[in-house]
C-alpha atoms as a PDB file:
ATOM      1  CA  MET A   1      11.679  59.253  -0.457  1.00  0.00           C
ATOM      2  CA  GLN A   2      11.818  62.590  -2.212  1.00  0.00           C
ATOM      3  CA  PHE A   3       9.289  62.674  -5.039  1.00  0.00           C
ATOM      4  CA  GLY A   4       9.947  64.782  -8.114  1.00  0.00           C
ATOM      5  CA  ILE A   5       9.000  65.230 -11.752  1.00  0.00           C
ATOM      6  CA  ARG A   6      10.480  65.437 -15.227  1.00  0.00           C
ATOM      7  CA  LEU A   7      10.814  69.148 -15.751  1.00  0.00           C
ATOM      8  CA  HIS A   8       9.665  68.872 -19.381  1.00  0.00           C
ATOM      9  CA  ASP A   9       6.342  67.464 -18.148  1.00  0.00           C
ATOM     10  CA  ALA A  10       5.717  70.675 -16.209  1.00  0.00           C
ATOM     11  CA  VAL A  11       4.127  73.904 -17.437  1.00  0.00           C
ATOM     12  CA  ASN A  12       5.857  75.233 -20.562  1.00  0.00           C
ATOM     13  CA  VAL A  13       7.542  78.379 -19.266  1.00  0.00           C
ATOM     14  CA  PRO A  14      11.207  79.423 -18.903  1.00  0.00           C
ATOM     15  CA  ILE A  15      13.202  77.103 -16.678  1.00  0.00           C
ATOM     16  CA  GLU A  16      13.325  79.554 -13.779  1.00  0.00           C
ATOM     17  CA  GLU A  17       9.523  79.600 -13.702  1.00  0.00           C
ATOM     18  CA  ARG A  18       9.241  75.845 -14.255  1.00  0.00           C
ATOM     19  CA  VAL A  19      11.330  75.102 -11.190  1.00  0.00           C
ATOM     20  CA  LYS A  20       9.200  77.437  -9.106  1.00  0.00           C
ATOM     21  CA  ALA A  21       6.000  75.881 -10.475  1.00  0.00           C
ATOM     22  CA  VAL A  22       6.927  72.298  -9.659  1.00  0.00           C
ATOM     23  CA  ARG A  23       7.928  73.299  -6.148  1.00  0.00           C
ATOM     24  CA  GLU A  24       4.546  74.951  -5.693  1.00  0.00           C
ATOM     25  CA  GLN A  25       2.932  71.667  -6.765  1.00  0.00           C
ATOM     26  CA  GLY A  26       4.775  69.889  -3.969  1.00  0.00           C
ATOM     27  CA  PHE A  27       7.679  68.281  -5.829  1.00  0.00           C
ATOM     28  CA  ALA A  28      11.065  68.075  -4.124  1.00  0.00           C
ATOM     29  CA  CYS A  29      13.313  67.196  -7.073  1.00  0.00           C
ATOM     30  CA  ALA A  30      13.453  67.190 -10.855  1.00  0.00           C
ATOM     31  CA  HIS A  31      14.728  65.219 -13.828  1.00  0.00           C
ATOM     32  CA  VAL A  32      16.168  67.708 -16.315  1.00  0.00           C
ATOM     33  CA  ALA A  33      16.803  67.177 -20.015  1.00  0.00           C
ATOM     34  CA  LEU A  34      18.385  70.477 -20.997  1.00  0.00           C
ATOM     35  CA  SER A  35      17.277  70.505 -24.635  1.00  0.00           C
ATOM     36  CA  LYS A  36      13.648  69.852 -23.625  1.00  0.00           C
ATOM     37  CA  VAL A  37      13.325  72.702 -21.144  1.00  0.00           C
ATOM     38  CA  ILE A  38      15.693  75.406 -22.384  1.00  0.00           C
ATOM     39  CA  SER A  39      15.123  77.187 -25.686  1.00  0.00           C
ATOM     40  CA  ASP A  40      16.139  80.762 -24.863  1.00  0.00           C
ATOM     41  CA  ASN A  41      19.839  79.988 -25.101  1.00  0.00           C
ATOM     42  CA  SER A  42      22.234  77.332 -26.315  1.00  0.00           C
ATOM     43  CA  VAL A  43      22.686  74.046 -24.506  1.00  0.00           C
ATOM     44  CA  ALA A  44      25.356  72.799 -26.905  1.00  0.00           C
ATOM     45  CA  ASP A  45      28.367  71.122 -25.346  1.00  0.00           C
ATOM     46  CA  SER A  46      30.384  74.331 -25.566  1.00  0.00           C
ATOM     47  CA  ALA A  47      27.660  76.247 -23.704  1.00  0.00           C
ATOM     48  CA  LEU A  48      27.812  74.017 -20.626  1.00  0.00           C
ATOM     49  CA  THR A  49      30.284  76.149 -18.725  1.00  0.00           C
ATOM     50  CA  PRO A  50      30.893  76.152 -14.962  1.00  0.00           C
ATOM     51  CA  GLY A  51      29.227  79.554 -14.757  1.00  0.00           C
ATOM     52  CA  TYR A  52      26.048  78.295 -16.422  1.00  0.00           C
ATOM     53  CA  ALA A  53      25.982  75.301 -14.106  1.00  0.00           C
ATOM     54  CA  MET A  54      26.356  77.504 -11.054  1.00  0.00           C
ATOM     55  CA  TYR A  55      23.581  79.801 -12.288  1.00  0.00           C
ATOM     56  CA  LEU A  56      21.175  76.868 -12.656  1.00  0.00           C
ATOM     57  CA  LYS A  57      22.299  75.493  -9.310  1.00  0.00           C
ATOM     58  CA  ARG A  58      21.217  78.768  -7.672  1.00  0.00           C
ATOM     59  CA  VAL A  59      17.835  78.579  -9.429  1.00  0.00           C
ATOM     60  CA  PHE A  60      17.184  75.118  -8.028  1.00  0.00           C
ATOM     61  CA  GLU A  61      18.505  75.918  -4.565  1.00  0.00           C
ATOM     62  CA  LYS A  62      16.382  79.080  -4.361  1.00  0.00           C
ATOM     63  CA  ASN A  63      13.280  76.963  -4.938  1.00  0.00           C
ATOM     64  CA  GLU A  64      14.463  74.105  -2.697  1.00  0.00           C
ATOM     65  CA  VAL A  65      14.316  71.619  -5.569  1.00  0.00           C
ATOM     66  CA  ASP A  66      17.053  68.982  -5.926  1.00  0.00           C
ATOM     67  CA  LEU A  67      18.363  68.292  -9.408  1.00  0.00           C
ATOM     68  CA  ALA A  68      17.990  64.520  -9.289  1.00  0.00           C
ATOM     69  CA  VAL A  69      18.878  63.540 -12.865  1.00  0.00           C
ATOM     70  CA  LEU A  70      20.604  65.332 -15.708  1.00  0.00           C
ATOM     71  CA  GLY A  71      19.322  63.395 -18.704  1.00  0.00           C
ATOM     72  CA  CYS A  72      21.566  62.566 -21.644  1.00  0.00           C
ATOM     73  CA  TYR A  73      19.565  59.878 -23.429  1.00  0.00           C
ATOM     74  CA  LEU A  74      21.657  59.154 -26.499  1.00  0.00           C
ATOM     75  CA  ASN A  75      22.695  55.970 -28.269  1.00  0.00           C
ATOM     76  CA  LEU A  76      26.000  54.640 -26.956  1.00  0.00           C
ATOM     77  CA  ALA A  77      25.706  51.664 -29.295  1.00  0.00           C
ATOM     78  CA  ASN A  78      25.655  53.784 -32.453  1.00  0.00           C
ATOM     79  CA  PRO A  79      27.770  51.843 -35.001  1.00  0.00           C
ATOM     80  CA  ASP A  80      28.905  54.959 -36.863  1.00  0.00           C
ATOM     81  CA  PRO A  81      32.302  55.937 -35.374  1.00  0.00           C
ATOM     82  CA  VAL A  82      31.900  59.647 -36.104  1.00  0.00           C
ATOM     83  CA  GLN A  83      28.445  59.815 -34.553  1.00  0.00           C
ATOM     84  CA  LEU A  84      29.552  57.684 -31.612  1.00  0.00           C
ATOM     85  CA  LYS A  85      32.456  60.037 -30.865  1.00  0.00           C
ATOM     86  CA  ALA A  86      30.077  63.007 -30.841  1.00  0.00           C
ATOM     87  CA  ILE A  87      27.715  61.112 -28.537  1.00  0.00           C
ATOM     88  CA  GLN A  88      30.494  60.195 -26.103  1.00  0.00           C
ATOM     89  CA  ASP A  89      31.697  63.801 -26.155  1.00  0.00           C
ATOM     90  CA  LYS A  90      28.194  64.998 -25.264  1.00  0.00           C
ATOM     91  CA  TYR A  91      28.056  62.586 -22.330  1.00  0.00           C
ATOM     92  CA  MET A  92      31.371  63.921 -21.109  1.00  0.00           C
ATOM     93  CA  ALA A  93      30.156  67.511 -21.461  1.00  0.00           C
ATOM     94  CA  HIS A  94      27.105  66.636 -19.354  1.00  0.00           C
ATOM     95  CA  ILE A  95      29.328  64.951 -16.789  1.00  0.00           C
ATOM     96  CA  ARG A  96      31.537  68.056 -16.520  1.00  0.00           C
ATOM     97  CA  PHE A  97      28.418  70.193 -16.200  1.00  0.00           C
ATOM     98  CA  ALA A  98      27.031  67.890 -13.521  1.00  0.00           C
ATOM     99  CA  ALA A  99      30.217  68.245 -11.477  1.00  0.00           C
ATOM    100  CA  HIS A 100      29.498  71.966 -11.024  1.00  0.00           C
ATOM    101  CA  LEU A 101      25.727  71.638 -10.946  1.00  0.00           C
ATOM    102  CA  GLY A 102      25.556  69.284  -7.971  1.00  0.00           C
ATOM    103  CA  VAL A 103      23.268  66.857  -9.775  1.00  0.00           C
ATOM    104  CA  GLY A 104      22.427  63.425  -8.356  1.00  0.00           C
ATOM    105  CA  VAL A 105      23.210  61.393 -11.481  1.00  0.00           C
ATOM    106  CA  VAL A 106      23.719  61.813 -15.197  1.00  0.00           C
ATOM    107  CA  GLY A 107      21.148  59.425 -16.626  1.00  0.00           C
ATOM    108  CA  THR A 108      21.076  57.391 -19.817  1.00  0.00           C
ATOM    109  CA  GLU A 109      19.173  54.605 -21.492  1.00  0.00           C
ATOM    110  CA  THR A 110      21.111  51.906 -23.320  1.00  0.00           C
ATOM    111  CA  GLY A 111      20.486  52.314 -27.004  1.00  0.00           C
ATOM    112  CA  ALA A 112      20.247  50.112 -30.070  1.00  0.00           C
ATOM    113  CA  PRO A 113      22.919  48.835 -32.476  1.00  0.00           C
ATOM    114  CA  ASN A 114      21.829  51.129 -35.329  1.00  0.00           C
ATOM    115  CA  VAL A 115      22.182  54.795 -36.188  1.00  0.00           C
ATOM    116  CA  GLU A 116      18.407  55.354 -36.097  1.00  0.00           C
ATOM    117  CA  TYR A 117      18.175  54.389 -32.402  1.00  0.00           C
ATOM    118  CA  LYS A 118      15.208  52.133 -33.095  1.00  0.00           C
ATOM    119  CA  PHE A 119      14.262  48.725 -31.798  1.00  0.00           C
ATOM    120  CA  GLU A 120      15.321  45.612 -33.695  1.00  0.00           C
ATOM    121  CA  GLU A 121      15.804  42.085 -32.423  1.00  0.00           C
ATOM    122  CA  ALA A 122      19.567  42.628 -32.599  1.00  0.00           C
ATOM    123  CA  CYS A 123      19.158  44.864 -29.528  1.00  0.00           C
ATOM    124  CA  TRP A 124      18.856  41.697 -27.484  1.00  0.00           C
ATOM    125  CA  SER A 125      21.938  40.026 -28.931  1.00  0.00           C
ATOM    126  CA  GLU A 126      25.190  39.291 -27.155  1.00  0.00           C
ATOM    127  CA  GLU A 127      27.040  41.408 -29.713  1.00  0.00           C
ATOM    128  CA  ALA A 128      24.918  44.472 -28.962  1.00  0.00           C
ATOM    129  CA  LEU A 129      25.485  44.121 -25.230  1.00  0.00           C
ATOM    130  CA  GLU A 130      29.235  43.797 -25.691  1.00  0.00           C
ATOM    131  CA  LEU A 131      29.238  46.860 -27.944  1.00  0.00           C
ATOM    132  CA  PHE A 132      27.341  48.903 -25.394  1.00  0.00           C
ATOM    133  CA  ILE A 133      29.667  47.904 -22.575  1.00  0.00           C
ATOM    134  CA  LYS A 134      32.708  48.748 -24.696  1.00  0.00           C
ATOM    135  CA  ASN A 135      31.377  52.199 -25.574  1.00  0.00           C
ATOM    136  CA  LEU A 136      30.189  52.877 -22.032  1.00  0.00           C
ATOM    137  CA  ARG A 137      33.592  52.233 -20.436  1.00  0.00           C
ATOM    138  CA  PRO A 138      35.300  55.525 -21.380  1.00  0.00           C
ATOM    139  CA  VAL A 139      32.241  57.499 -20.307  1.00  0.00           C
ATOM    140  CA  VAL A 140      32.229  55.825 -16.894  1.00  0.00           C
ATOM    141  CA  LYS A 141      35.965  56.394 -16.564  1.00  0.00           C
ATOM    142  CA  TYR A 142      35.402  60.081 -17.226  1.00  0.00           C
ATOM    143  CA  ALA A 143      32.625  60.143 -14.626  1.00  0.00           C
ATOM    144  CA  GLU A 144      35.082  58.670 -12.124  1.00  0.00           C
ATOM    145  CA  GLN A 145      37.609  61.375 -12.930  1.00  0.00           C
ATOM    146  CA  MET A 146      35.006  64.101 -12.468  1.00  0.00           C
ATOM    147  CA  GLY A 147      33.472  62.612  -9.315  1.00  0.00           C
ATOM    148  CA  VAL A 148      30.048  62.208 -10.918  1.00  0.00           C
ATOM    149  CA  LEU A 149      27.624  59.263 -10.908  1.00  0.00           C
ATOM    150  CA  LEU A 150      26.396  57.879 -14.237  1.00  0.00           C
ATOM    151  CA  ALA A 151      23.209  55.810 -14.100  1.00  0.00           C
ATOM    152  CA  ILE A 152      21.859  53.479 -16.758  1.00  0.00           C
ATOM    153  CA  GLU A 153      18.150  52.820 -17.170  1.00  0.00           C
ATOM    154  CA  PRO A 154      17.113  49.347 -18.349  1.00  0.00           C
ATOM    155  CA  VAL A 155      14.331  49.409 -20.966  1.00  0.00           C
ATOM    156  CA  VAL A 156      12.756  46.284 -22.432  1.00  0.00           C
ATOM    157  CA  ARG A 157      13.199  47.436 -26.051  1.00  0.00           C
ATOM    158  CA  HIS A 158      16.785  48.632 -25.608  1.00  0.00           C
ATOM    159  CA  ILE A 159      20.047  46.697 -25.305  1.00  0.00           C
ATOM    160  CA  VAL A 160      19.938  46.459 -21.523  1.00  0.00           C
ATOM    161  CA  CYS A 161      16.446  45.040 -21.654  1.00  0.00           C
ATOM    162  CA  ASN A 162      16.125  43.256 -18.326  1.00  0.00           C
ATOM    163  CA  PRO A 163      17.636  43.102 -14.822  1.00  0.00           C
ATOM    164  CA  VAL A 164      19.983  40.233 -15.757  1.00  0.00           C
ATOM    165  CA  ARG A 165      21.669  42.239 -18.508  1.00  0.00           C
ATOM    166  CA  ALA A 166      21.798  45.316 -16.286  1.00  0.00           C
ATOM    167  CA  ARG A 167      23.513  43.318 -13.566  1.00  0.00           C
ATOM    168  CA  ARG A 168      26.059  42.120 -16.100  1.00  0.00           C
ATOM    169  CA  VAL A 169      26.866  45.674 -17.188  1.00  0.00           C
ATOM    170  CA  LEU A 170      27.399  46.724 -13.582  1.00  0.00           C
ATOM    171  CA  ASP A 171      29.620  43.735 -12.869  1.00  0.00           C
ATOM    172  CA  GLU A 172      31.726  44.032 -16.009  1.00  0.00           C
ATOM    173  CA  ILE A 173      32.285  47.779 -15.700  1.00  0.00           C
ATOM    174  CA  ASN A 174      32.803  47.339 -11.952  1.00  0.00           C
ATOM    175  CA  SER A 175      32.799  51.024 -11.053  1.00  0.00           C
ATOM    176  CA  PRO A 176      31.402  52.757  -7.957  1.00  0.00           C
ATOM    177  CA  ASN A 177      30.368  55.592 -10.279  1.00  0.00           C
ATOM    178  CA  LEU A 178      27.989  53.439 -12.334  1.00  0.00           C
ATOM    179  CA  ARG A 179      24.502  53.150 -10.866  1.00  0.00           C
ATOM    180  CA  ILE A 180      20.949  52.230 -11.888  1.00  0.00           C
ATOM    181  CA  ILE A 181      17.874  54.333 -12.609  1.00  0.00           C
ATOM    182  CA  LEU A 182      15.049  51.874 -12.015  1.00  0.00           C
ATOM    183  CA  ASP A 183      11.889  52.444 -14.016  1.00  0.00           C
ATOM    184  CA  PRO A 184       9.870  49.278 -13.342  1.00  0.00           C
ATOM    185  CA  VAL A 185       7.311  50.010 -16.064  1.00  0.00           C
ATOM    186  CA  ASN A 186      10.103  50.237 -18.653  1.00  0.00           C
ATOM    187  CA  LEU A 187      10.754  46.545 -18.027  1.00  0.00           C
ATOM    188  CA  LEU A 188       7.260  45.666 -19.254  1.00  0.00           C
ATOM    189  CA  GLU A 189       5.783  45.061 -22.695  1.00  0.00           C
ATOM    190  CA  ILE A 190       2.565  43.620 -24.029  1.00  0.00           C
ATOM    191  CA  TYR A 191       3.987  40.107 -23.904  1.00  0.00           C
ATOM    192  CA  ASN A 192       5.184  40.148 -20.274  1.00  0.00           C
ATOM    193  CA  TYR A 193       3.161  42.696 -18.282  1.00  0.00           C
ATOM    194  CA  GLU A 194       1.063  39.955 -16.682  1.00  0.00           C
ATOM    195  CA  LYS A 195       4.269  38.813 -14.961  1.00  0.00           C
ATOM    196  CA  GLN A 196       5.016  42.246 -13.552  1.00  0.00           C
ATOM    197  CA  ASP A 197       5.272  41.049  -9.945  1.00  0.00           C
ATOM    198  CA  GLU A 198       7.908  38.494 -10.931  1.00  0.00           C
ATOM    199  CA  ILE A 199       9.808  41.035 -13.048  1.00  0.00           C
ATOM    200  CA  PHE A 200       9.734  43.679 -10.315  1.00  0.00           C
ATOM    201  CA  ALA A 201      10.971  41.159  -7.752  1.00  0.00           C
ATOM    202  CA  GLU A 202      13.872  40.179 -10.014  1.00  0.00           C
ATOM    203  CA  ALA A 203      14.787  43.844 -10.515  1.00  0.00           C
ATOM    204  CA  ILE A 204      14.912  44.442  -6.773  1.00  0.00           C
ATOM    205  CA  GLU A 205      16.899  41.268  -6.144  1.00  0.00           C
ATOM    206  CA  LEU A 206      19.524  41.875  -8.834  1.00  0.00           C
ATOM    207  CA  LEU A 207      19.703  45.671  -8.928  1.00  0.00           C
ATOM    208  CA  GLY A 208      18.224  46.994  -5.702  1.00  0.00           C
ATOM    209  CA  LYS A 209      21.478  47.804  -3.961  1.00  0.00           C
ATOM    210  CA  ASP A 210      22.698  49.823  -6.961  1.00  0.00           C
ATOM    211  CA  VAL A 211      19.525  51.832  -7.597  1.00  0.00           C
ATOM    212  CA  ALA A 212      20.250  55.557  -7.254  1.00  0.00           C
ATOM    213  CA  VAL A 213      16.997  56.982  -8.642  1.00  0.00           C
ATOM    214  CA  LEU A 214      13.484  55.637  -9.157  1.00  0.00           C
ATOM    215  CA  HIS A 215      11.280  56.617 -12.103  1.00  0.00           C
ATOM    216  CA  VAL A 216       7.586  56.472 -11.307  1.00  0.00           C
ATOM    217  CA  LYS A 217       4.849  56.002 -13.896  1.00  0.00           C
ATOM    218  CA  ASP A 218       2.046  53.601 -14.791  1.00  0.00           C
ATOM    219  CA  PHE A 219       0.743  51.709 -17.802  1.00  0.00           C
ATOM    220  CA  ILE A 220      -2.464  50.764 -19.532  1.00  0.00           C
ATOM    221  CA  ILE A 221      -3.191  48.346 -22.369  1.00  0.00           C
ATOM    222  CA  GLU A 222      -4.683  50.212 -25.311  1.00  0.00           C
ATOM    223  CA  ASP A 223      -5.328  48.818 -28.798  1.00  0.00           C
ATOM    224  CA  GLY A 224      -3.220  45.775 -27.990  1.00  0.00           C
ATOM    225  CA  LYS A 225      -0.219  47.857 -26.945  1.00  0.00           C
ATOM    226  CA  LEU A 226       1.291  48.838 -23.622  1.00  0.00           C
ATOM    227  CA  LYS A 227       1.073  52.602 -23.118  1.00  0.00           C
ATOM    228  CA  SER A 228       2.776  54.617 -20.392  1.00  0.00           C
ATOM    229  CA  VAL A 229       0.626  56.991 -18.309  1.00  0.00           C
ATOM    230  CA  GLY A 230       0.925  58.931 -15.071  1.00  0.00           C
ATOM    231  CA  VAL A 231       1.138  56.874 -11.902  1.00  0.00           C
ATOM    232  CA  GLY A 232      -2.240  55.971 -10.454  1.00  0.00           C
ATOM    233  CA  GLN A 233      -3.895  55.902 -13.873  1.00  0.00           C
ATOM    234  CA  GLY A 234      -3.046  52.321 -14.805  1.00  0.00           C
ATOM    235  CA  GLN A 235      -2.271  48.889 -13.467  1.00  0.00           C
ATOM    236  CA  ALA A 236       1.349  48.925 -12.282  1.00  0.00           C
ATOM    237  CA  HIS A 237       1.781  47.255  -8.881  1.00  0.00           C
ATOM    238  CA  TRP A 238       3.714  49.969  -7.082  1.00  0.00           C
ATOM    239  CA  ASP A 239       2.983  48.288  -3.782  1.00  0.00           C
ATOM    240  CA  LYS A 240       5.553  45.673  -4.869  1.00  0.00           C
ATOM    241  CA  ILE A 241       8.299  48.298  -5.314  1.00  0.00           C
ATOM    242  CA  ILE A 242       7.770  51.047  -2.766  1.00  0.00           C
ATOM    243  CA  PRO A 243       8.170  49.016   0.469  1.00  0.00           C
ATOM    244  CA  TYR A 244      11.717  47.972  -0.468  1.00  0.00           C
ATOM    245  CA  MET A 245      12.669  51.492  -1.495  1.00  0.00           C
ATOM    246  CA  LYS A 246      11.163  52.993   1.654  1.00  0.00           C
ATOM    247  CA  LYS A 247      13.150  50.648   3.864  1.00  0.00           C
ATOM    248  CA  GLU A 248      16.431  50.449   1.973  1.00  0.00           C
ATOM    249  CA  LYS A 249      16.654  53.822   0.170  1.00  0.00           C
ATOM    250  CA  PRO A 250      15.774  56.619   2.611  1.00  0.00           C
ATOM    251  CA  PHE A 251      15.394  60.047   0.980  1.00  0.00           C
ATOM    252  CA  MET A 252      16.118  58.638  -2.475  1.00  0.00           C
ATOM    253  CA  HIS A 253      14.977  60.724  -5.437  1.00  0.00           C
ATOM    254  CA  ALA A 254      11.927  59.319  -7.234  1.00  0.00           C
ATOM    255  CA  THR A 255      10.767  61.303 -10.263  1.00  0.00           C
ATOM    256  CA  LEU A 256       7.317  60.993 -11.847  1.00  0.00           C
ATOM    257  CA  GLU A 257       7.004  60.545 -15.606  1.00  0.00           C
ATOM    258  CA  ASP A 258       4.234  60.970 -18.181  1.00  0.00           C
ATOM    259  CA  THR A 259       2.309  63.396 -16.021  1.00  0.00           C
ATOM    260  CA  LYS A 260       0.696  66.600 -17.264  1.00  0.00           C
ATOM    261  CA  PRO A 261       0.483  69.921 -15.433  1.00  0.00           C
ATOM    262  CA  ASP A 262      -3.189  69.308 -14.653  1.00  0.00           C
ATOM    263  CA  ASN A 263      -2.772  65.794 -13.224  1.00  0.00           C
ATOM    264  CA  ALA A 264       0.714  65.940 -11.700  1.00  0.00           C
ATOM    265  CA  VAL A 265      -0.500  66.704  -8.181  1.00  0.00           C
ATOM    266  CA  ALA A 266      -3.017  63.836  -8.262  1.00  0.00           C
ATOM    267  CA  CYS A 267      -0.272  61.462  -9.427  1.00  0.00           C
ATOM    268  CA  LEU A 268       2.029  62.729  -6.681  1.00  0.00           C
ATOM    269  CA  ASN A 269      -0.641  62.237  -4.027  1.00  0.00           C
ATOM    270  CA  TYR A 270      -1.323  58.712  -5.289  1.00  0.00           C
ATOM    271  CA  ILE A 271       2.279  57.528  -4.940  1.00  0.00           C
ATOM    272  CA  LYS A 272       2.697  59.353  -1.632  1.00  0.00           C
ATOM    273  CA  GLU A 273      -0.283  57.443  -0.260  1.00  0.00           C
ATOM    274  CA  ILE A 274       1.281  54.122  -1.255  1.00  0.00           C
ATOM    275  CA  TYR A 275       4.538  55.244   0.357  1.00  0.00           C
ATOM    276  CA  LYS A 276       2.773  56.266   3.573  1.00  0.00           C
ATOM    277  CA  ASN A 277       0.973  52.933   3.852  1.00  0.00           C
ATOM    278  CA  SER A 278       3.996  50.755   3.003  1.00  0.00           C
END
């Protein structure tokens, strides 16, 4: 596996220096959310030209860092038609950009059926899932046309909240350009974390073959709530995930989340040790 990091978790310097810094820490790839790491110039849809993509591609190649994920984490279940159109347009702009950038996948979570993009029980309804699939279809079609992979990330408090619903989205869209970003910890909440081994096993069984990228973090229970932390600082059973990925997904990108510049290397060494011993 090739372990990487979210670029916005790295030292807060211009992107050219960030990429160099994460390489010096030993990371091989990065998850990039443009608006979180670039402030010196526009990253509006109209700014995502082929020339800009090729410039960034040279920055990453110079530092021998793969661009694993181009994040576009917006709400494809937004019920407002005007806002939804703008959101779909932004996904398509990212997909065009990715085609010139040489990125692994354009990544997205799966939203909520409200304009605020906040959790409500309706997220888990059949209607919300059908709405998400409907709104996802044209984006996936565009990804097919541009030769780019789009990857959805199941999250317990979003519409695609578990491996079963994720499998359904994959099957109904039925596109080779739709993949999975698997973040095992995002499948956990305070009410189910004690069943993490069972949940992780289900994710591998139902989604394993379609996983394109792995997100790596940990969790603790604090004040009665589940809180995400850097890997190795909590109680996630990564030994239940890594052996499958090591065997079935050689050289796959795996990006760390919720690290800080001063603990990123320790987190990286922790997951590398599990990988080595798997």
